[in-house]
Amino acid sequence: MKTNFIGVALGVALFVLVLAPIARPAHAGSGTKSSDATADLSAAADYCVANGGEVENRAPYFNTNDDPKNWFRLSGFRKFCQFTLKSDGSRIHVLLSTLYTQQPSLAALAYYAKVPFDGSTCHGNPGSCYCSQLGGTDLFGGINLNGGGWVLKGAIDEVLEACIFPDLSSIDSWGLTYHQADIIRGKNLKKVLRYHDPFAAKQ
């Protein structure tokens, strides 16, 4: 049985805290930021398109279960890469920075680990429940009737349920949920995520 997700996350944390400073020492006063913090989203966007994806600029909204005129726009935006599977039209969305980084991210690890869905305590949206099970969230304001999501008006998936993890990496909740059941939506991200599957050699 694969290492559980918590164990993987702890292993990543150990690497970051202990080994990474040795491999890439920081220079005091240099003003240099980590490669992830200064990720070139333009290059990430080019990479998305080159691999058959489409770049989407999405904004966070609350109250999306109401009439669109009552949706409440929140601050900021995020760029996602949408992949569409031609054979069935299914889609998967991954945050550009998550797609492009060569460093471990919780979203990529969650995708690769395929932790079995425990639906025994789920009383609502299975995709959202699975996201929460993995330690992420796609909830806006907790469990409520208002709803919320990452919006691109006019898109097929107008309100996206993006599973956001504590390191701010993200893959959409349904993409993660289907993948743990060995169902590919949109694209097999194993072929395009620049951080490669750490479980591959163990399978």
N, C-alpha and C. Protein backbone atom coordinates (compact mmCIF):
# COMPACT_ATOMS: atom_id res chain seq x y z
N MET A 1 0.84 -1.20 0.00
CA MET A 1 0.00 0.00 0.00
C MET A 1 0.87 1.25 0.00
N LYS A 2 0.49 2.21 -0.75
CA LYS A 2 1.30 3.42 -0.86
C LYS A 2 1.40 4.16 0.46
N THR A 3 2.47 4.90 0.60
CA THR A 3 2.63 5.76 1.78
C THR A 3 1.44 6.69 1.86
N ASN A 4 0.89 6.85 3.06
CA ASN A 4 -0.27 7.73 3.17
C ASN A 4 0.11 9.17 2.92
N PHE A 5 -0.89 9.96 2.63
CA PHE A 5 -0.64 11.34 2.20
C PHE A 5 0.04 12.17 3.27
N ILE A 6 -0.32 11.94 4.53
CA ILE A 6 0.31 12.69 5.62
C ILE A 6 1.79 12.38 5.68
N GLY A 7 2.15 11.12 5.50
CA GLY A 7 3.55 10.74 5.51
C GLY A 7 4.32 11.40 4.39
N VAL A 8 3.69 11.48 3.22
CA VAL A 8 4.33 12.14 2.08
C VAL A 8 4.58 13.61 2.38
N ALA A 9 3.55 14.27 2.93
CA ALA A 9 3.69 15.69 3.23
C ALA A 9 4.80 15.93 4.24
N LEU A 10 4.90 15.06 5.24
CA LEU A 10 5.96 15.21 6.24
C LEU A 10 7.32 14.99 5.63
N GLY A 11 7.40 14.05 4.68
CA GLY A 11 8.66 13.81 4.00
C GLY A 11 9.10 15.00 3.19
N VAL A 12 8.14 15.63 2.51
CA VAL A 12 8.45 16.83 1.74
C VAL A 12 8.92 17.94 2.65
N ALA A 13 8.22 18.10 3.79
CA ALA A 13 8.61 19.14 4.73
C ALA A 13 10.03 18.92 5.23
N LEU A 14 10.40 17.66 5.50
CA LEU A 14 11.75 17.35 5.96
C LEU A 14 12.77 17.72 4.91
N PHE A 15 12.46 17.41 3.66
CA PHE A 15 13.39 17.76 2.58
C PHE A 15 13.59 19.26 2.49
N VAL A 16 12.48 20.00 2.56
CA VAL A 16 12.56 21.45 2.42
C VAL A 16 13.35 22.08 3.56
N LEU A 17 13.10 21.59 4.78
CA LEU A 17 13.72 22.20 5.96
C LEU A 17 15.17 21.79 6.16
N VAL A 18 15.51 20.55 5.75
CA VAL A 18 16.84 20.04 6.06
C VAL A 18 17.77 20.00 4.85
N LEU A 19 17.29 19.44 3.75
CA LEU A 19 18.17 19.23 2.61
C LEU A 19 18.23 20.41 1.66
N ALA A 20 17.09 21.08 1.44
CA ALA A 20 17.07 22.18 0.47
C ALA A 20 18.06 23.29 0.80
N PRO A 21 18.19 23.72 2.09
CA PRO A 21 19.16 24.78 2.40
C PRO A 21 20.59 24.37 2.08
N ILE A 22 20.88 23.06 2.14
CA ILE A 22 22.23 22.60 1.82
C ILE A 22 22.46 22.68 0.32
N ALA A 23 21.44 22.26 -0.44
CA ALA A 23 21.59 22.24 -1.89
C ALA A 23 21.58 23.64 -2.49
N ARG A 24 20.81 24.55 -1.88
CA ARG A 24 20.70 25.90 -2.44
C ARG A 24 20.83 26.91 -1.32
N PRO A 25 22.06 27.19 -0.88
CA PRO A 25 22.24 28.13 0.23
C PRO A 25 21.76 29.51 -0.11
N ALA A 26 21.16 30.18 0.90
CA ALA A 26 20.67 31.54 0.70
C ALA A 26 21.79 32.52 0.92
N HIS A 27 21.77 33.63 0.22
CA HIS A 27 22.77 34.68 0.36
C HIS A 27 22.11 35.88 1.00
N ALA A 28 22.51 36.19 2.22
CA ALA A 28 21.89 37.28 2.97
C ALA A 28 22.04 38.59 2.22
N GLY A 29 20.92 39.31 2.14
CA GLY A 29 20.96 40.63 1.54
C GLY A 29 20.98 40.65 0.04
N SER A 30 20.93 39.47 -0.59
CA SER A 30 21.00 39.44 -2.05
C SER A 30 19.70 39.84 -2.69
N GLY A 31 18.59 39.72 -1.93
CA GLY A 31 17.29 40.06 -2.48
C GLY A 31 16.75 38.98 -3.40
N THR A 32 17.47 37.86 -3.51
CA THR A 32 17.05 36.77 -4.38
C THR A 32 15.93 35.98 -3.73
N LYS A 33 14.85 35.76 -4.45
CA LYS A 33 13.72 34.99 -3.94
C LYS A 33 13.81 33.57 -4.49
N SER A 34 13.06 32.66 -3.89
CA SER A 34 13.06 31.29 -4.36
C SER A 34 12.50 31.22 -5.77
N SER A 35 12.91 30.17 -6.50
CA SER A 35 12.45 30.04 -7.89
C SER A 35 10.95 29.91 -7.97
N ASP A 36 10.33 29.24 -6.97
CA ASP A 36 8.87 29.11 -6.98
C ASP A 36 8.20 30.46 -6.75
N ALA A 37 8.74 31.25 -5.83
CA ALA A 37 8.12 32.53 -5.49
C ALA A 37 8.16 33.49 -6.65
N THR A 38 9.14 33.33 -7.54
CA THR A 38 9.28 34.25 -8.67
C THR A 38 9.00 33.53 -9.99
N ALA A 39 8.19 32.47 -9.90
CA ALA A 39 7.91 31.68 -11.10
C ALA A 39 7.40 32.57 -12.23
N ASP A 40 7.94 32.35 -13.39
CA ASP A 40 7.57 33.15 -14.55
C ASP A 40 6.26 32.61 -15.11
N LEU A 41 5.15 33.29 -14.81
CA LEU A 41 3.85 32.81 -15.27
C LEU A 41 3.72 32.90 -16.78
N SER A 42 4.50 33.77 -17.39
CA SER A 42 4.48 33.84 -18.85
C SER A 42 5.04 32.55 -19.45
N ALA A 43 6.14 32.08 -18.89
CA ALA A 43 6.73 30.81 -19.34
C ALA A 43 5.79 29.65 -19.02
N ALA A 44 5.14 29.72 -17.86
CA ALA A 44 4.20 28.68 -17.47
C ALA A 44 3.01 28.64 -18.42
N ALA A 45 2.55 29.81 -18.83
CA ALA A 45 1.43 29.89 -19.78
C ALA A 45 1.83 29.29 -21.12
N ASP A 46 3.03 29.61 -21.58
CA ASP A 46 3.53 29.04 -22.83
C ASP A 46 3.62 27.52 -22.74
N TYR A 47 4.06 27.04 -21.59
CA TYR A 47 4.19 25.60 -21.37
C TYR A 47 2.82 24.93 -21.40
N CYS A 48 1.84 25.57 -20.78
CA CYS A 48 0.46 25.07 -20.79
C CYS A 48 -0.04 24.90 -22.22
N VAL A 49 0.09 25.94 -23.01
CA VAL A 49 -0.41 25.92 -24.39
C VAL A 49 0.36 24.90 -25.23
N ALA A 50 1.67 24.85 -25.05
CA ALA A 50 2.51 23.92 -25.81
C ALA A 50 2.14 22.46 -25.55
N ASN A 51 1.54 22.21 -24.39
CA ASN A 51 1.15 20.85 -24.03
C ASN A 51 -0.34 20.60 -24.22
N GLY A 52 -0.98 21.46 -25.00
CA GLY A 52 -2.37 21.24 -25.36
C GLY A 52 -3.39 21.86 -24.43
N GLY A 53 -2.93 22.71 -23.52
CA GLY A 53 -3.85 23.34 -22.58
C GLY A 53 -4.29 24.72 -23.02
N GLU A 54 -5.18 25.28 -22.26
CA GLU A 54 -5.69 26.64 -22.50
C GLU A 54 -5.59 27.43 -21.19
N VAL A 55 -5.00 28.60 -21.26
CA VAL A 55 -4.82 29.42 -20.07
C VAL A 55 -6.12 30.15 -19.73
N GLU A 56 -6.52 30.07 -18.48
CA GLU A 56 -7.73 30.75 -18.01
C GLU A 56 -7.39 31.66 -16.84
N ASN A 57 -7.88 32.86 -16.90
CA ASN A 57 -7.69 33.84 -15.83
C ASN A 57 -8.98 33.88 -15.01
N ARG A 58 -8.95 33.34 -13.80
CA ARG A 58 -10.17 33.19 -13.01
C ARG A 58 -10.13 34.05 -11.75
N ALA A 59 -11.30 34.53 -11.36
CA ALA A 59 -11.44 35.38 -10.18
C ALA A 59 -12.28 34.66 -9.12
N PRO A 60 -12.00 34.89 -7.84
CA PRO A 60 -12.77 34.26 -6.78
C PRO A 60 -14.09 34.99 -6.52
N TYR A 61 -15.16 34.22 -6.41
CA TYR A 61 -16.49 34.78 -6.13
C TYR A 61 -17.14 33.99 -5.01
N PHE A 62 -17.92 34.70 -4.20
CA PHE A 62 -18.75 34.10 -3.16
C PHE A 62 -20.21 34.21 -3.59
N ASN A 63 -21.06 33.31 -3.09
CA ASN A 63 -22.50 33.35 -3.34
C ASN A 63 -22.86 32.91 -4.75
N THR A 64 -22.09 31.99 -5.31
CA THR A 64 -22.32 31.56 -6.70
C THR A 64 -23.52 30.62 -6.86
N ASN A 65 -24.14 30.21 -5.75
CA ASN A 65 -25.36 29.41 -5.86
C ASN A 65 -26.59 30.29 -6.05
N ASP A 66 -26.40 31.59 -5.99
CA ASP A 66 -27.48 32.55 -6.18
C ASP A 66 -27.49 33.00 -7.65
N ASP A 67 -28.41 33.88 -7.97
CA ASP A 67 -28.45 34.48 -9.30
C ASP A 67 -27.12 35.18 -9.56
N PRO A 68 -26.57 35.04 -10.78
CA PRO A 68 -25.27 35.66 -11.08
C PRO A 68 -25.17 37.14 -10.74
N LYS A 69 -26.28 37.86 -10.80
CA LYS A 69 -26.23 39.29 -10.49
C LYS A 69 -25.92 39.52 -9.01
N ASN A 70 -26.09 38.46 -8.19
CA ASN A 70 -25.82 38.58 -6.76
C ASN A 70 -24.49 37.96 -6.34
N TRP A 71 -23.72 37.49 -7.31
CA TRP A 71 -22.41 36.94 -6.99
C TRP A 71 -21.54 38.05 -6.42
N PHE A 72 -20.72 37.69 -5.44
CA PHE A 72 -19.89 38.67 -4.75
C PHE A 72 -18.43 38.46 -5.11
N ARG A 73 -17.89 39.42 -5.86
CA ARG A 73 -16.50 39.32 -6.34
C ARG A 73 -15.53 39.60 -5.20
N LEU A 74 -14.58 38.68 -5.03
CA LEU A 74 -13.53 38.85 -4.04
C LEU A 74 -12.26 39.34 -4.71
N SER A 75 -11.26 39.67 -3.93
CA SER A 75 -10.06 40.26 -4.48
C SER A 75 -9.14 39.22 -5.11
N GLY A 76 -8.38 39.67 -6.11
CA GLY A 76 -7.35 38.83 -6.72
C GLY A 76 -7.84 38.03 -7.91
N PHE A 77 -6.93 37.25 -8.46
CA PHE A 77 -7.23 36.34 -9.55
C PHE A 77 -6.13 35.28 -9.57
N ARG A 78 -6.39 34.19 -10.27
CA ARG A 78 -5.40 33.14 -10.44
C ARG A 78 -5.48 32.62 -11.88
N LYS A 79 -4.33 32.24 -12.40
CA LYS A 79 -4.27 31.69 -13.75
C LYS A 79 -4.20 30.16 -13.68
N PHE A 80 -5.13 29.53 -14.38
CA PHE A 80 -5.19 28.07 -14.44
C PHE A 80 -4.92 27.60 -15.86
N CYS A 81 -4.45 26.37 -15.97
CA CYS A 81 -4.34 25.71 -17.26
C CYS A 81 -5.45 24.67 -17.34
N GLN A 82 -6.30 24.81 -18.37
CA GLN A 82 -7.38 23.84 -18.57
C GLN A 82 -6.98 22.87 -19.68
N PHE A 83 -7.07 21.59 -19.38
CA PHE A 83 -6.85 20.55 -20.39
C PHE A 83 -8.18 19.88 -20.68
N THR A 84 -8.45 19.64 -21.96
CA THR A 84 -9.70 19.01 -22.39
C THR A 84 -9.39 17.72 -23.13
N LEU A 85 -10.05 16.64 -22.74
CA LEU A 85 -9.89 15.36 -23.41
C LEU A 85 -10.84 15.30 -24.60
N LYS A 86 -10.28 15.19 -25.79
CA LYS A 86 -11.10 15.27 -27.01
C LYS A 86 -12.12 14.14 -27.09
N SER A 87 -11.78 12.98 -26.59
CA SER A 87 -12.67 11.82 -26.76
C SER A 87 -13.99 11.96 -26.02
N ASP A 88 -13.98 12.65 -24.88
CA ASP A 88 -15.23 12.76 -24.12
C ASP A 88 -15.55 14.18 -23.66
N GLY A 89 -14.67 15.13 -23.95
CA GLY A 89 -14.92 16.52 -23.58
C GLY A 89 -14.68 16.84 -22.12
N SER A 90 -14.20 15.86 -21.35
CA SER A 90 -13.94 16.12 -19.93
C SER A 90 -12.77 17.08 -19.78
N ARG A 91 -12.71 17.75 -18.62
CA ARG A 91 -11.70 18.79 -18.41
C ARG A 91 -11.06 18.64 -17.03
N ILE A 92 -9.84 19.12 -16.94
CA ILE A 92 -9.16 19.23 -15.65
C ILE A 92 -8.42 20.55 -15.61
N HIS A 93 -8.38 21.16 -14.44
CA HIS A 93 -7.75 22.47 -14.28
C HIS A 93 -6.64 22.38 -13.24
N VAL A 94 -5.51 22.95 -13.57
CA VAL A 94 -4.38 22.99 -12.64
C VAL A 94 -3.82 24.40 -12.63
N LEU A 95 -3.51 24.90 -11.46
CA LEU A 95 -2.93 26.24 -11.34
C LEU A 95 -1.63 26.28 -12.13
N LEU A 96 -1.41 27.37 -12.86
CA LEU A 96 -0.21 27.47 -13.70
C LEU A 96 1.06 27.21 -12.90
N SER A 97 1.17 27.80 -11.73
CA SER A 97 2.38 27.63 -10.92
C SER A 97 2.55 26.19 -10.47
N THR A 98 1.44 25.48 -10.23
CA THR A 98 1.51 24.07 -9.85
C THR A 98 1.95 23.21 -11.03
N LEU A 99 1.45 23.54 -12.20
CA LEU A 99 1.82 22.82 -13.42
C LEU A 99 3.31 22.97 -13.72
N TYR A 100 3.82 24.18 -13.56
CA TYR A 100 5.15 24.51 -14.09
C TYR A 100 6.30 24.24 -13.11
N THR A 101 6.03 24.24 -11.82
CA THR A 101 7.12 24.07 -10.87
C THR A 101 7.74 22.68 -10.95
N GLN A 102 9.04 22.63 -10.75
CA GLN A 102 9.75 21.35 -10.68
C GLN A 102 9.95 20.90 -9.23
N GLN A 103 9.44 21.71 -8.31
CA GLN A 103 9.51 21.39 -6.89
C GLN A 103 8.24 20.65 -6.46
N PRO A 104 8.31 19.89 -5.36
CA PRO A 104 7.11 19.21 -4.87
C PRO A 104 6.02 20.21 -4.48
N SER A 105 4.79 19.85 -4.75
CA SER A 105 3.65 20.64 -4.27
C SER A 105 2.63 19.67 -3.71
N LEU A 106 1.84 20.13 -2.76
CA LEU A 106 0.84 19.26 -2.14
C LEU A 106 -0.22 18.81 -3.14
N ALA A 107 -0.56 19.68 -4.09
CA ALA A 107 -1.56 19.31 -5.09
C ALA A 107 -1.04 18.20 -5.99
N ALA A 108 0.21 18.33 -6.46
CA ALA A 108 0.79 17.30 -7.32
C ALA A 108 0.93 15.99 -6.56
N LEU A 109 1.38 16.06 -5.31
CA LEU A 109 1.51 14.85 -4.50
C LEU A 109 0.15 14.18 -4.28
N ALA A 110 -0.88 14.99 -4.08
CA ALA A 110 -2.23 14.44 -3.91
C ALA A 110 -2.69 13.73 -5.18
N TYR A 111 -2.38 14.32 -6.33
CA TYR A 111 -2.76 13.72 -7.61
C TYR A 111 -2.04 12.39 -7.80
N TYR A 112 -0.76 12.37 -7.53
CA TYR A 112 0.03 11.16 -7.72
C TYR A 112 -0.32 10.07 -6.70
N ALA A 113 -0.57 10.45 -5.46
CA ALA A 113 -0.78 9.47 -4.39
C ALA A 113 -2.06 8.66 -4.56
N LYS A 114 -3.09 9.27 -5.12
CA LYS A 114 -4.38 8.60 -5.34
C LYS A 114 -4.90 7.95 -4.05
N VAL A 115 -4.92 8.74 -2.99
CA VAL A 115 -5.46 8.26 -1.71
C VAL A 115 -6.93 7.87 -1.91
N PRO A 116 -7.33 6.67 -1.54
CA PRO A 116 -8.73 6.25 -1.75
C PRO A 116 -9.72 7.18 -1.06
N PHE A 117 -10.81 7.45 -1.75
CA PHE A 117 -11.84 8.33 -1.22
C PHE A 117 -12.62 7.63 -0.12
N ASP A 118 -12.69 8.26 1.04
CA ASP A 118 -13.49 7.76 2.15
C ASP A 118 -14.79 8.56 2.20
N GLY A 119 -15.81 8.02 1.58
CA GLY A 119 -17.07 8.75 1.51
C GLY A 119 -18.00 8.52 2.68
N SER A 120 -17.52 7.82 3.70
CA SER A 120 -18.40 7.45 4.82
C SER A 120 -18.92 8.65 5.59
N THR A 121 -18.17 9.74 5.59
CA THR A 121 -18.60 10.93 6.33
C THR A 121 -19.01 12.07 5.40
N CYS A 122 -19.13 11.77 4.12
CA CYS A 122 -19.47 12.81 3.15
C CYS A 122 -20.98 12.91 3.00
N HIS A 123 -21.51 14.10 3.21
CA HIS A 123 -22.95 14.31 3.10
C HIS A 123 -23.29 15.38 2.07
N GLY A 124 -22.37 15.60 1.14
CA GLY A 124 -22.61 16.62 0.13
C GLY A 124 -21.87 16.30 -1.15
N ASN A 125 -21.16 17.28 -1.66
CA ASN A 125 -20.43 17.17 -2.91
C ASN A 125 -19.21 16.25 -2.73
N PRO A 126 -19.16 15.11 -3.42
CA PRO A 126 -18.03 14.19 -3.25
C PRO A 126 -16.68 14.81 -3.60
N GLY A 127 -16.65 15.66 -4.63
CA GLY A 127 -15.40 16.32 -5.00
C GLY A 127 -14.88 17.20 -3.88
N SER A 128 -15.77 17.96 -3.29
CA SER A 128 -15.39 18.84 -2.18
C SER A 128 -14.98 18.03 -0.96
N CYS A 129 -15.70 16.94 -0.69
CA CYS A 129 -15.36 16.07 0.44
C CYS A 129 -13.96 15.48 0.26
N TYR A 130 -13.65 15.05 -0.95
CA TYR A 130 -12.34 14.44 -1.20
C TYR A 130 -11.23 15.47 -1.03
N CYS A 131 -11.47 16.68 -1.52
CA CYS A 131 -10.51 17.76 -1.34
C CYS A 131 -10.22 17.97 0.14
N SER A 132 -11.26 18.02 0.95
CA SER A 132 -11.09 18.21 2.40
C SER A 132 -10.35 17.03 3.02
N GLN A 133 -10.66 15.82 2.55
CA GLN A 133 -9.98 14.62 3.05
C GLN A 133 -8.47 14.72 2.85
N LEU A 134 -8.06 15.33 1.74
CA LEU A 134 -6.64 15.45 1.41
C LEU A 134 -5.94 16.59 2.14
N GLY A 135 -6.72 17.40 2.85
CA GLY A 135 -6.13 18.53 3.56
C GLY A 135 -6.20 19.84 2.82
N GLY A 136 -6.94 19.85 1.72
CA GLY A 136 -7.16 21.09 0.97
C GLY A 136 -8.56 21.61 1.23
N THR A 137 -8.94 22.65 0.51
CA THR A 137 -10.31 23.15 0.60
C THR A 137 -10.71 23.83 -0.70
N ASP A 138 -11.98 23.67 -1.05
CA ASP A 138 -12.56 24.43 -2.15
C ASP A 138 -13.77 25.22 -1.65
N LEU A 139 -13.88 25.33 -0.32
CA LEU A 139 -15.03 26.00 0.30
C LEU A 139 -14.78 27.49 0.47
N PHE A 140 -15.79 28.27 0.19
CA PHE A 140 -15.75 29.72 0.40
C PHE A 140 -16.64 30.04 1.59
N GLY A 141 -16.02 30.34 2.73
CA GLY A 141 -16.79 30.62 3.93
C GLY A 141 -17.27 29.39 4.65
N GLY A 142 -16.58 28.27 4.45
CA GLY A 142 -16.99 27.03 5.11
C GLY A 142 -18.20 26.41 4.44
N ILE A 143 -18.78 25.41 5.09
CA ILE A 143 -19.96 24.74 4.54
C ILE A 143 -21.17 25.66 4.68
N ASN A 144 -21.75 26.03 3.56
CA ASN A 144 -22.90 26.94 3.57
C ASN A 144 -23.71 26.75 2.30
N LEU A 145 -24.84 27.42 2.22
CA LEU A 145 -25.71 27.31 1.05
C LEU A 145 -25.35 28.31 -0.04
N ASN A 146 -24.44 29.23 0.26
CA ASN A 146 -24.12 30.29 -0.69
C ASN A 146 -23.23 29.82 -1.84
N GLY A 147 -22.26 29.01 -1.51
CA GLY A 147 -21.33 28.53 -2.53
C GLY A 147 -20.29 29.56 -2.90
N GLY A 148 -19.36 29.13 -3.69
CA GLY A 148 -18.29 30.01 -4.15
C GLY A 148 -17.36 29.23 -5.05
N GLY A 149 -16.51 29.94 -5.75
CA GLY A 149 -15.57 29.25 -6.63
C GLY A 149 -14.77 30.24 -7.45
N TRP A 150 -13.97 29.69 -8.33
CA TRP A 150 -13.11 30.49 -9.21
C TRP A 150 -13.82 30.63 -10.55
N VAL A 151 -14.18 31.85 -10.87
CA VAL A 151 -15.11 32.12 -11.96
C VAL A 151 -14.42 32.63 -13.22
N LEU A 152 -14.84 32.07 -14.34
CA LEU A 152 -14.53 32.62 -15.66
C LEU A 152 -15.86 32.67 -16.39
N LYS A 153 -16.44 33.84 -16.47
CA LYS A 153 -17.78 33.97 -17.03
C LYS A 153 -17.80 33.57 -18.50
N GLY A 154 -18.78 32.73 -18.83
CA GLY A 154 -18.94 32.25 -20.19
C GLY A 154 -18.24 30.94 -20.47
N ALA A 155 -17.39 30.48 -19.55
CA ALA A 155 -16.69 29.22 -19.74
C ALA A 155 -17.63 28.04 -19.49
N ILE A 156 -17.28 26.87 -20.01
CA ILE A 156 -18.10 25.68 -19.76
C ILE A 156 -18.16 25.41 -18.26
N ASP A 157 -17.00 25.44 -17.63
CA ASP A 157 -16.94 25.33 -16.17
C ASP A 157 -16.85 26.75 -15.62
N GLU A 158 -17.99 27.42 -15.60
CA GLU A 158 -17.99 28.83 -15.23
C GLU A 158 -17.52 29.04 -13.79
N VAL A 159 -17.98 28.18 -12.89
CA VAL A 159 -17.56 28.24 -11.49
C VAL A 159 -16.72 27.00 -11.19
N LEU A 160 -15.44 27.20 -11.02
CA LEU A 160 -14.52 26.08 -10.83
C LEU A 160 -14.33 25.76 -9.35
N GLU A 161 -14.45 24.48 -9.01
CA GLU A 161 -14.14 24.01 -7.66
C GLU A 161 -12.66 23.65 -7.62
N ALA A 162 -11.84 24.60 -7.27
CA ALA A 162 -10.39 24.38 -7.23
C ALA A 162 -9.99 23.98 -5.82
N CYS A 163 -9.35 22.84 -5.70
CA CYS A 163 -8.88 22.37 -4.39
C CYS A 163 -7.56 23.06 -4.08
N ILE A 164 -7.59 23.98 -3.12
CA ILE A 164 -6.41 24.76 -2.75
C ILE A 164 -5.77 24.14 -1.51
N PHE A 165 -4.47 23.92 -1.57
CA PHE A 165 -3.73 23.32 -0.45
C PHE A 165 -2.97 24.39 0.32
N PRO A 166 -2.49 24.06 1.54
CA PRO A 166 -1.80 25.07 2.36
C PRO A 166 -0.60 25.72 1.70
N ASP A 167 0.04 25.04 0.75
CA ASP A 167 1.17 25.66 0.04
C ASP A 167 0.71 26.48 -1.16
N LEU A 168 -0.63 26.62 -1.29
CA LEU A 168 -1.28 27.40 -2.35
C LEU A 168 -1.18 26.75 -3.72
N SER A 169 -0.85 25.48 -3.77
CA SER A 169 -0.92 24.74 -5.03
C SER A 169 -2.36 24.29 -5.23
N SER A 170 -2.73 23.97 -6.49
CA SER A 170 -4.13 23.64 -6.74
C SER A 170 -4.34 22.81 -8.00
N ILE A 171 -5.21 21.82 -7.87
CA ILE A 171 -5.79 21.06 -8.97
C ILE A 171 -7.28 20.98 -8.65
N ASP A 172 -8.13 20.97 -9.67
CA ASP A 172 -9.55 21.03 -9.36
C ASP A 172 -10.02 19.76 -8.63
N SER A 173 -11.00 19.95 -7.77
CA SER A 173 -11.46 18.90 -6.86
C SER A 173 -11.93 17.65 -7.59
N TRP A 174 -12.68 17.84 -8.67
CA TRP A 174 -13.21 16.69 -9.39
C TRP A 174 -12.11 15.95 -10.14
N GLY A 175 -11.12 16.68 -10.63
CA GLY A 175 -9.99 16.03 -11.29
C GLY A 175 -9.27 15.10 -10.33
N LEU A 176 -9.07 15.56 -9.10
CA LEU A 176 -8.43 14.74 -8.07
C LEU A 176 -9.30 13.54 -7.70
N THR A 177 -10.60 13.78 -7.57
CA THR A 177 -11.52 12.73 -7.15
C THR A 177 -11.60 11.61 -8.18
N TYR A 178 -11.74 11.97 -9.44
CA TYR A 178 -11.80 10.96 -10.49
C TYR A 178 -10.48 10.22 -10.63
N HIS A 179 -9.37 10.94 -10.47
CA HIS A 179 -8.06 10.30 -10.66
C HIS A 179 -7.79 9.22 -9.63
N GLN A 180 -8.25 9.41 -8.38
CA GLN A 180 -8.02 8.36 -7.38
C GLN A 180 -8.78 7.08 -7.73
N ALA A 181 -9.80 7.22 -8.60
CA ALA A 181 -10.56 6.06 -9.07
C ALA A 181 -10.06 5.57 -10.43
N ASP A 182 -8.87 6.05 -10.81
CA ASP A 182 -8.24 5.67 -12.09
C ASP A 182 -9.03 6.12 -13.30
N ILE A 183 -9.72 7.24 -13.17
CA ILE A 183 -10.44 7.84 -14.30
C ILE A 183 -9.74 9.15 -14.66
N ILE A 184 -9.31 9.25 -15.91
CA ILE A 184 -8.60 10.44 -16.37
C ILE A 184 -9.61 11.45 -16.91
N ARG A 185 -9.58 12.63 -16.37
CA ARG A 185 -10.39 13.74 -16.89
C ARG A 185 -9.45 14.77 -17.51
N GLY A 186 -9.77 15.19 -18.72
CA GLY A 186 -9.00 16.26 -19.36
C GLY A 186 -7.67 15.83 -19.91
N LYS A 187 -6.79 15.37 -19.04
CA LYS A 187 -5.45 14.92 -19.43
C LYS A 187 -4.81 14.22 -18.24
N ASN A 188 -3.98 13.25 -18.53
CA ASN A 188 -3.20 12.63 -17.47
C ASN A 188 -2.09 13.60 -17.08
N LEU A 189 -2.25 14.23 -15.92
CA LEU A 189 -1.29 15.26 -15.51
C LEU A 189 0.10 14.68 -15.25
N LYS A 190 0.19 13.38 -15.11
CA LYS A 190 1.49 12.75 -14.94
C LYS A 190 2.39 13.04 -16.13
N LYS A 191 1.79 13.30 -17.27
CA LYS A 191 2.55 13.56 -18.50
C LYS A 191 2.97 15.01 -18.65
N VAL A 192 2.41 15.90 -17.84
CA VAL A 192 2.70 17.33 -18.03
C VAL A 192 3.18 18.06 -16.78
N LEU A 193 2.89 17.56 -15.60
CA LEU A 193 3.42 18.20 -14.39
C LEU A 193 4.94 18.11 -14.42
N ARG A 194 5.62 19.23 -14.21
CA ARG A 194 7.08 19.21 -14.28
C ARG A 194 7.71 18.60 -13.03
N TYR A 195 6.95 18.50 -11.95
CA TYR A 195 7.41 17.72 -10.80
C TYR A 195 6.94 16.30 -11.05
N HIS A 196 7.87 15.38 -11.16
CA HIS A 196 7.54 14.02 -11.57
C HIS A 196 7.06 13.15 -10.41
N ASP A 197 6.34 12.12 -10.77
CA ASP A 197 5.69 11.22 -9.82
C ASP A 197 6.72 10.52 -8.92
N PRO A 198 6.74 10.82 -7.61
CA PRO A 198 7.71 10.18 -6.72
C PRO A 198 7.34 8.73 -6.38
N PHE A 199 6.11 8.33 -6.71
CA PHE A 199 5.67 6.98 -6.42
C PHE A 199 5.93 6.02 -7.59
N ALA A 200 6.30 6.54 -8.75
CA ALA A 200 6.38 5.75 -9.97
C ALA A 200 7.30 4.54 -9.83
N ALA A 201 8.46 4.72 -9.23
CA ALA A 201 9.43 3.63 -9.10
C ALA A 201 8.97 2.57 -8.12
N LYS A 202 7.97 2.91 -7.30
CA LYS A 202 7.52 1.99 -6.26
C LYS A 202 6.30 1.19 -6.69
N GLN A 203 5.76 1.52 -7.85
CA GLN A 203 4.55 0.85 -8.29
C GLN A 203 4.86 -0.49 -8.94
